[in-house]
N, C-alpha and C. Protein backbone atom coordinates (compact mmCIF):
# COMPACT_ATOMS: atom_id res chain seq x y z
N MET A 1 -50.67 -34.08 -11.26
CA MET A 1 -50.34 -32.96 -12.10
C MET A 1 -50.79 -31.65 -11.47
N GLN A 2 -51.99 -31.66 -10.90
CA GLN A 2 -52.49 -30.45 -10.28
C GLN A 2 -51.67 -30.10 -9.04
N PHE A 3 -51.23 -31.13 -8.33
CA PHE A 3 -50.41 -30.90 -7.14
C PHE A 3 -49.10 -30.20 -7.50
N ARG A 4 -48.49 -30.63 -8.60
CA ARG A 4 -47.24 -30.01 -9.05
C ARG A 4 -47.46 -28.55 -9.46
N LEU A 5 -48.55 -28.27 -10.12
CA LEU A 5 -48.87 -26.92 -10.54
C LEU A 5 -49.09 -26.01 -9.33
N ILE A 6 -49.82 -26.49 -8.35
CA ILE A 6 -50.06 -25.71 -7.13
C ILE A 6 -48.76 -25.52 -6.36
N ALA A 7 -47.94 -26.55 -6.27
CA ALA A 7 -46.65 -26.44 -5.57
C ALA A 7 -45.73 -25.46 -6.27
N PHE A 8 -45.76 -25.48 -7.61
CA PHE A 8 -44.93 -24.55 -8.37
C PHE A 8 -45.39 -23.11 -8.16
N LEU A 9 -46.70 -22.88 -8.17
CA LEU A 9 -47.23 -21.54 -7.94
C LEU A 9 -46.92 -21.05 -6.53
N LEU A 10 -47.06 -21.92 -5.55
CA LEU A 10 -46.72 -21.55 -4.17
C LEU A 10 -45.23 -21.24 -4.02
N LEU A 11 -44.40 -21.99 -4.70
CA LEU A 11 -42.96 -21.74 -4.66
C LEU A 11 -42.62 -20.39 -5.29
N LEU A 12 -43.23 -20.07 -6.42
CA LEU A 12 -43.02 -18.77 -7.05
C LEU A 12 -43.52 -17.64 -6.14
N PHE A 13 -44.68 -17.83 -5.55
CA PHE A 13 -45.22 -16.81 -4.66
C PHE A 13 -44.30 -16.62 -3.45
N TYR A 14 -43.75 -17.71 -2.92
CA TYR A 14 -42.82 -17.62 -1.77
C TYR A 14 -41.54 -16.88 -2.17
N ILE A 15 -41.02 -17.17 -3.34
CA ILE A 15 -39.77 -16.54 -3.79
C ILE A 15 -39.96 -15.05 -4.01
N PHE A 16 -41.06 -14.66 -4.63
CA PHE A 16 -41.27 -13.25 -4.98
C PHE A 16 -42.14 -12.51 -3.96
N SER A 17 -42.40 -13.07 -2.80
CA SER A 17 -43.27 -12.41 -1.83
C SER A 17 -42.65 -11.13 -1.29
N GLY A 18 -41.34 -11.10 -1.10
CA GLY A 18 -40.69 -9.88 -0.60
C GLY A 18 -40.83 -8.73 -1.58
N VAL A 19 -40.68 -9.02 -2.86
CA VAL A 19 -40.80 -7.99 -3.88
C VAL A 19 -42.24 -7.51 -3.99
N ILE A 20 -43.17 -8.43 -3.90
CA ILE A 20 -44.59 -8.07 -3.99
C ILE A 20 -45.00 -7.21 -2.80
N LEU A 21 -44.55 -7.56 -1.61
CA LEU A 21 -44.89 -6.77 -0.43
C LEU A 21 -44.28 -5.37 -0.49
N GLU A 22 -43.06 -5.26 -0.98
CA GLU A 22 -42.45 -3.94 -1.12
C GLU A 22 -43.20 -3.09 -2.14
N TYR A 23 -43.72 -3.70 -3.16
CA TYR A 23 -44.42 -2.96 -4.20
C TYR A 23 -45.72 -2.34 -3.67
N PHE A 24 -46.43 -3.08 -2.83
CA PHE A 24 -47.72 -2.60 -2.34
C PHE A 24 -47.62 -1.75 -1.09
N GLN A 25 -46.50 -1.79 -0.36
CA GLN A 25 -46.36 -0.96 0.84
C GLN A 25 -45.96 0.45 0.44
N PRO A 26 -46.59 1.46 1.05
CA PRO A 26 -46.21 2.83 0.71
C PRO A 26 -44.87 3.18 1.35
N ASN A 27 -44.06 3.92 0.61
CA ASN A 27 -42.77 4.35 1.14
C ASN A 27 -42.99 5.53 2.06
N ASP A 28 -42.18 5.63 3.13
CA ASP A 28 -42.27 6.75 4.04
C ASP A 28 -41.57 7.93 3.40
N PRO A 29 -42.32 8.96 3.06
CA PRO A 29 -41.66 10.11 2.46
C PRO A 29 -40.84 10.88 3.50
N VAL A 30 -39.62 11.22 3.15
CA VAL A 30 -38.74 11.98 4.02
C VAL A 30 -38.77 13.42 3.54
N SER A 31 -39.12 14.29 4.44
CA SER A 31 -39.22 15.69 4.02
C SER A 31 -37.83 16.31 3.94
N PHE A 32 -37.76 17.39 3.17
CA PHE A 32 -36.49 18.09 2.98
C PHE A 32 -36.01 18.68 4.30
N LYS A 33 -36.94 19.09 5.14
CA LYS A 33 -36.58 19.68 6.43
C LYS A 33 -35.91 18.64 7.34
N ASP A 34 -36.42 17.40 7.30
CA ASP A 34 -35.82 16.34 8.11
C ASP A 34 -34.39 16.05 7.67
N ILE A 35 -34.15 16.09 6.38
CA ILE A 35 -32.80 15.84 5.86
C ILE A 35 -31.85 16.94 6.31
N GLN A 36 -32.31 18.20 6.29
CA GLN A 36 -31.46 19.30 6.72
C GLN A 36 -31.13 19.22 8.20
N GLU A 37 -32.05 18.74 9.00
CA GLU A 37 -31.79 18.61 10.43
C GLU A 37 -30.77 17.53 10.72
N GLN A 38 -30.68 16.53 9.86
CA GLN A 38 -29.74 15.43 10.08
C GLN A 38 -28.32 15.83 9.70
N ILE A 39 -28.15 16.80 8.85
CA ILE A 39 -26.82 17.23 8.42
C ILE A 39 -26.25 18.16 9.47
N ILE A 40 -25.10 17.81 10.00
CA ILE A 40 -24.42 18.63 10.99
C ILE A 40 -23.23 19.28 10.30
N ILE A 41 -23.16 20.59 10.36
CA ILE A 41 -22.10 21.33 9.69
C ILE A 41 -21.10 21.81 10.73
N ASP A 42 -19.85 21.43 10.54
CA ASP A 42 -18.78 21.86 11.42
C ASP A 42 -18.01 22.98 10.72
N GLU A 43 -17.99 24.14 11.33
CA GLU A 43 -17.34 25.30 10.71
C GLU A 43 -15.84 25.09 10.54
N ASN A 44 -15.19 24.33 11.41
CA ASN A 44 -13.74 24.09 11.30
C ASN A 44 -13.41 23.28 10.04
N GLU A 45 -14.29 22.37 9.66
CA GLU A 45 -14.04 21.56 8.47
C GLU A 45 -14.30 22.34 7.19
N LEU A 46 -15.12 23.36 7.24
CA LEU A 46 -15.39 24.16 6.05
C LEU A 46 -14.24 25.09 5.72
N ASN A 47 -13.45 25.47 6.68
CA ASN A 47 -12.38 26.43 6.47
C ASN A 47 -11.04 25.74 6.17
N VAL A 48 -11.05 24.80 5.24
CA VAL A 48 -9.83 24.05 4.95
C VAL A 48 -8.87 24.84 4.07
N PHE A 49 -9.34 25.86 3.37
CA PHE A 49 -8.47 26.59 2.47
C PHE A 49 -7.96 27.90 3.07
N GLU A 50 -8.24 28.14 4.32
CA GLU A 50 -7.72 29.34 4.96
C GLU A 50 -6.25 29.15 5.27
N LYS A 51 -5.50 30.22 5.15
CA LYS A 51 -4.09 30.16 5.47
C LYS A 51 -3.91 30.23 6.98
N LYS A 52 -3.09 29.34 7.48
CA LYS A 52 -2.83 29.28 8.92
C LYS A 52 -1.33 29.41 9.14
N PRO A 53 -0.91 29.95 10.26
CA PRO A 53 0.53 30.05 10.53
C PRO A 53 1.14 28.66 10.76
N LEU A 54 2.38 28.51 10.38
CA LEU A 54 3.05 27.22 10.51
C LEU A 54 3.41 26.88 11.94
N ASP A 55 3.37 27.86 12.83
CA ASP A 55 3.70 27.59 14.23
C ASP A 55 2.68 26.70 14.91
N ASP A 56 1.45 26.70 14.43
CA ASP A 56 0.39 25.91 15.05
C ASP A 56 0.33 24.47 14.56
N ILE A 57 1.14 24.12 13.58
CA ILE A 57 1.08 22.78 12.98
C ILE A 57 2.09 21.87 13.68
N ASN A 58 1.60 20.72 14.13
CA ASN A 58 2.46 19.70 14.73
C ASN A 58 2.62 18.56 13.75
N VAL A 59 3.83 18.15 13.49
CA VAL A 59 4.11 17.05 12.58
C VAL A 59 4.22 15.78 13.41
N THR A 60 3.36 14.83 13.11
CA THR A 60 3.35 13.58 13.86
C THR A 60 3.56 12.39 12.93
N GLU A 61 4.19 12.61 11.78
CA GLU A 61 4.39 11.51 10.84
C GLU A 61 5.50 10.59 11.31
N LYS A 62 5.36 9.34 10.96
CA LYS A 62 6.38 8.36 11.30
C LYS A 62 7.45 8.37 10.22
N ARG A 63 8.64 8.14 10.63
CA ARG A 63 9.74 8.05 9.67
C ARG A 63 9.67 6.71 8.96
N VAL A 64 10.20 6.69 7.75
CA VAL A 64 10.17 5.48 6.94
C VAL A 64 11.52 4.78 7.06
N LYS A 65 11.47 3.49 7.29
CA LYS A 65 12.70 2.71 7.41
C LYS A 65 12.89 1.93 6.12
N ALA A 66 14.10 1.96 5.62
CA ALA A 66 14.44 1.23 4.39
C ALA A 66 15.78 0.53 4.59
N TRP A 67 16.09 -0.37 3.69
CA TRP A 67 17.32 -1.16 3.79
C TRP A 67 18.09 -1.07 2.48
N ILE A 68 19.41 -1.06 2.60
CA ILE A 68 20.28 -1.11 1.42
C ILE A 68 21.28 -2.24 1.62
N VAL A 69 21.80 -2.70 0.52
CA VAL A 69 22.82 -3.76 0.53
C VAL A 69 24.16 -3.09 0.25
N ILE A 70 25.12 -3.30 1.14
CA ILE A 70 26.45 -2.71 1.03
C ILE A 70 27.44 -3.79 0.59
N ILE A 71 28.22 -3.49 -0.44
CA ILE A 71 29.25 -4.40 -0.93
C ILE A 71 30.58 -3.66 -0.86
N LYS A 72 31.45 -4.09 0.05
CA LYS A 72 32.75 -3.44 0.19
C LYS A 72 33.74 -4.07 -0.81
N TYR A 73 34.69 -3.27 -1.22
CA TYR A 73 35.69 -3.74 -2.18
C TYR A 73 37.05 -3.13 -1.83
N ASN A 74 38.07 -3.62 -2.51
CA ASN A 74 39.39 -3.00 -2.44
C ASN A 74 39.84 -2.66 -3.85
N GLU A 75 41.04 -2.11 -4.00
CA GLU A 75 41.49 -1.63 -5.30
C GLU A 75 41.61 -2.76 -6.33
N THR A 76 41.90 -3.95 -5.87
CA THR A 76 42.13 -5.05 -6.80
C THR A 76 40.83 -5.61 -7.39
N ASN A 77 39.77 -5.63 -6.62
CA ASN A 77 38.54 -6.25 -7.12
C ASN A 77 37.43 -5.25 -7.43
N GLU A 78 37.72 -3.96 -7.46
CA GLU A 78 36.70 -2.94 -7.73
C GLU A 78 36.07 -3.12 -9.10
N LYS A 79 36.89 -3.24 -10.12
CA LYS A 79 36.36 -3.33 -11.48
C LYS A 79 35.62 -4.64 -11.71
N ILE A 80 36.10 -5.70 -11.10
CA ILE A 80 35.45 -7.01 -11.26
C ILE A 80 34.05 -6.99 -10.65
N ILE A 81 33.95 -6.47 -9.43
CA ILE A 81 32.65 -6.42 -8.76
C ILE A 81 31.70 -5.48 -9.49
N LYS A 82 32.20 -4.32 -9.93
CA LYS A 82 31.36 -3.36 -10.62
C LYS A 82 30.82 -3.95 -11.92
N SER A 83 31.68 -4.60 -12.70
CA SER A 83 31.21 -5.18 -13.97
C SER A 83 30.24 -6.34 -13.73
N THR A 84 30.49 -7.14 -12.70
CA THR A 84 29.60 -8.25 -12.38
C THR A 84 28.21 -7.74 -12.01
N LEU A 85 28.16 -6.71 -11.17
CA LEU A 85 26.87 -6.16 -10.76
C LEU A 85 26.13 -5.50 -11.93
N GLU A 86 26.86 -4.79 -12.77
CA GLU A 86 26.21 -4.13 -13.91
C GLU A 86 25.71 -5.15 -14.93
N LYS A 87 26.47 -6.23 -15.13
CA LYS A 87 26.03 -7.27 -16.05
C LYS A 87 24.80 -8.00 -15.52
N SER A 88 24.68 -8.07 -14.20
CA SER A 88 23.53 -8.74 -13.59
C SER A 88 22.29 -7.86 -13.57
N GLY A 89 22.42 -6.60 -13.95
CA GLY A 89 21.26 -5.72 -14.04
C GLY A 89 21.00 -4.89 -12.81
N TYR A 90 21.94 -4.85 -11.89
CA TYR A 90 21.76 -4.05 -10.69
C TYR A 90 22.06 -2.59 -10.97
N ASN A 91 21.29 -1.71 -10.36
CA ASN A 91 21.54 -0.27 -10.43
C ASN A 91 22.36 0.08 -9.18
N ILE A 92 23.66 0.26 -9.35
CA ILE A 92 24.54 0.43 -8.20
C ILE A 92 24.86 1.90 -7.98
N LYS A 93 25.10 2.21 -6.72
CA LYS A 93 25.60 3.53 -6.35
C LYS A 93 26.99 3.32 -5.78
N HIS A 94 27.91 4.19 -6.15
CA HIS A 94 29.31 3.98 -5.83
C HIS A 94 29.78 5.08 -4.88
N ASP A 95 30.28 4.68 -3.72
CA ASP A 95 30.87 5.63 -2.77
C ASP A 95 32.37 5.41 -2.78
N THR A 96 33.11 6.31 -3.43
CA THR A 96 34.55 6.12 -3.59
C THR A 96 35.32 6.42 -2.31
N LYS A 97 34.80 7.28 -1.44
CA LYS A 97 35.50 7.61 -0.20
C LYS A 97 35.52 6.42 0.75
N LYS A 98 34.35 5.79 0.92
CA LYS A 98 34.26 4.67 1.87
C LYS A 98 34.50 3.33 1.19
N MET A 99 34.69 3.34 -0.12
CA MET A 99 35.00 2.15 -0.91
C MET A 99 33.94 1.05 -0.78
N PHE A 100 32.72 1.39 -1.18
CA PHE A 100 31.67 0.37 -1.25
C PHE A 100 30.66 0.72 -2.32
N PHE A 101 29.98 -0.32 -2.80
CA PHE A 101 28.85 -0.18 -3.70
C PHE A 101 27.59 -0.40 -2.88
N SER A 102 26.51 0.26 -3.26
CA SER A 102 25.25 0.05 -2.55
C SER A 102 24.15 -0.27 -3.55
N LEU A 103 23.27 -1.17 -3.15
CA LEU A 103 22.11 -1.57 -3.93
C LEU A 103 20.86 -1.22 -3.13
N GLY A 104 19.87 -0.72 -3.78
CA GLY A 104 18.62 -0.44 -3.07
C GLY A 104 18.22 1.00 -3.24
N PRO A 105 17.35 1.47 -2.47
CA PRO A 105 16.83 0.97 -1.19
C PRO A 105 15.72 -0.06 -1.40
N PHE A 106 15.55 -0.90 -0.38
CA PHE A 106 14.52 -1.92 -0.37
C PHE A 106 13.53 -1.57 0.74
N ALA A 107 12.25 -1.73 0.46
CA ALA A 107 11.21 -1.39 1.44
C ALA A 107 11.04 -2.48 2.48
N ASP A 108 11.50 -3.68 2.19
CA ASP A 108 11.33 -4.80 3.10
C ASP A 108 12.68 -5.45 3.36
N VAL A 109 12.93 -5.78 4.63
CA VAL A 109 14.23 -6.37 4.98
C VAL A 109 14.40 -7.76 4.36
N SER A 110 13.30 -8.48 4.18
CA SER A 110 13.41 -9.81 3.57
C SER A 110 13.85 -9.71 2.10
N HIS A 111 13.41 -8.66 1.41
CA HIS A 111 13.84 -8.47 0.03
C HIS A 111 15.34 -8.19 -0.03
N ALA A 112 15.83 -7.35 0.89
CA ALA A 112 17.26 -7.06 0.93
C ALA A 112 18.06 -8.32 1.28
N ASN A 113 17.56 -9.11 2.22
CA ASN A 113 18.26 -10.35 2.58
C ASN A 113 18.28 -11.34 1.42
N ASN A 114 17.21 -11.38 0.64
CA ASN A 114 17.20 -12.26 -0.54
C ASN A 114 18.24 -11.83 -1.56
N GLU A 115 18.42 -10.52 -1.73
CA GLU A 115 19.45 -10.04 -2.66
C GLU A 115 20.84 -10.40 -2.16
N VAL A 116 21.07 -10.32 -0.86
CA VAL A 116 22.36 -10.71 -0.30
C VAL A 116 22.63 -12.19 -0.56
N LYS A 117 21.60 -13.01 -0.36
CA LYS A 117 21.76 -14.45 -0.61
C LYS A 117 22.05 -14.73 -2.09
N LYS A 118 21.36 -14.01 -2.99
CA LYS A 118 21.61 -14.20 -4.43
C LYS A 118 23.04 -13.81 -4.80
N LEU A 119 23.50 -12.67 -4.26
CA LEU A 119 24.86 -12.24 -4.57
C LEU A 119 25.89 -13.26 -4.08
N LYS A 120 25.66 -13.83 -2.92
CA LYS A 120 26.59 -14.80 -2.36
C LYS A 120 26.55 -16.10 -3.16
N LYS A 121 25.33 -16.54 -3.48
CA LYS A 121 25.18 -17.84 -4.15
C LYS A 121 25.61 -17.79 -5.61
N ILE A 122 25.19 -16.77 -6.33
CA ILE A 122 25.45 -16.73 -7.77
C ILE A 122 26.82 -16.16 -8.10
N HIS A 123 27.20 -15.05 -7.44
CA HIS A 123 28.42 -14.34 -7.80
C HIS A 123 29.53 -14.45 -6.76
N SER A 124 29.28 -15.10 -5.64
CA SER A 124 30.25 -15.24 -4.54
C SER A 124 30.74 -13.87 -4.06
N ILE A 125 29.81 -12.92 -3.95
CA ILE A 125 30.14 -11.58 -3.47
C ILE A 125 29.61 -11.43 -2.05
N ASP A 126 30.49 -11.07 -1.13
CA ASP A 126 30.08 -10.85 0.25
C ASP A 126 29.47 -9.46 0.39
N SER A 127 28.33 -9.39 1.07
CA SER A 127 27.65 -8.12 1.27
C SER A 127 26.87 -8.19 2.57
N LYS A 128 26.35 -7.03 2.98
CA LYS A 128 25.56 -7.00 4.21
C LYS A 128 24.41 -6.01 4.04
N VAL A 129 23.40 -6.19 4.87
CA VAL A 129 22.21 -5.34 4.84
C VAL A 129 22.35 -4.27 5.91
N VAL A 130 22.10 -3.02 5.52
CA VAL A 130 22.17 -1.89 6.45
C VAL A 130 20.84 -1.15 6.37
N ASP A 131 20.29 -0.79 7.54
CA ASP A 131 19.03 -0.04 7.52
C ASP A 131 19.29 1.45 7.74
N PHE A 132 18.38 2.26 7.22
CA PHE A 132 18.47 3.70 7.43
C PHE A 132 17.04 4.25 7.49
N VAL A 133 16.92 5.39 8.13
CA VAL A 133 15.62 6.02 8.31
C VAL A 133 15.64 7.38 7.61
N PHE A 134 14.57 7.64 6.87
CA PHE A 134 14.47 8.95 6.23
C PHE A 134 13.08 9.50 6.39
């Protein structure tokens, strides 16, 4: 019984020894002057609200690539395809000059390809994926 009590006390002391040592060790006080010396102030970063001429700015942004699904039609099947797409819940855009409907844009080519497969499988509508950059 005494052995268990001593083992239990030693186990508790081992578990809490880190906390006990931190409690009795004095903390190193950091002076305010030391903190100020560690802070480096860059004057260029402070002047973020100054007006600068646009001639000095270089645009290095990447263009975004997106995909749309194109569905071509003719005069005979225009209304059928349009009603089928609207009943299916698609938000279509209609180009009357080039005679096609467009779905999208899609941020991922696999999403656009899945829509093409769904249109072919469910509604037997032929379509293709076209990419564009903006």
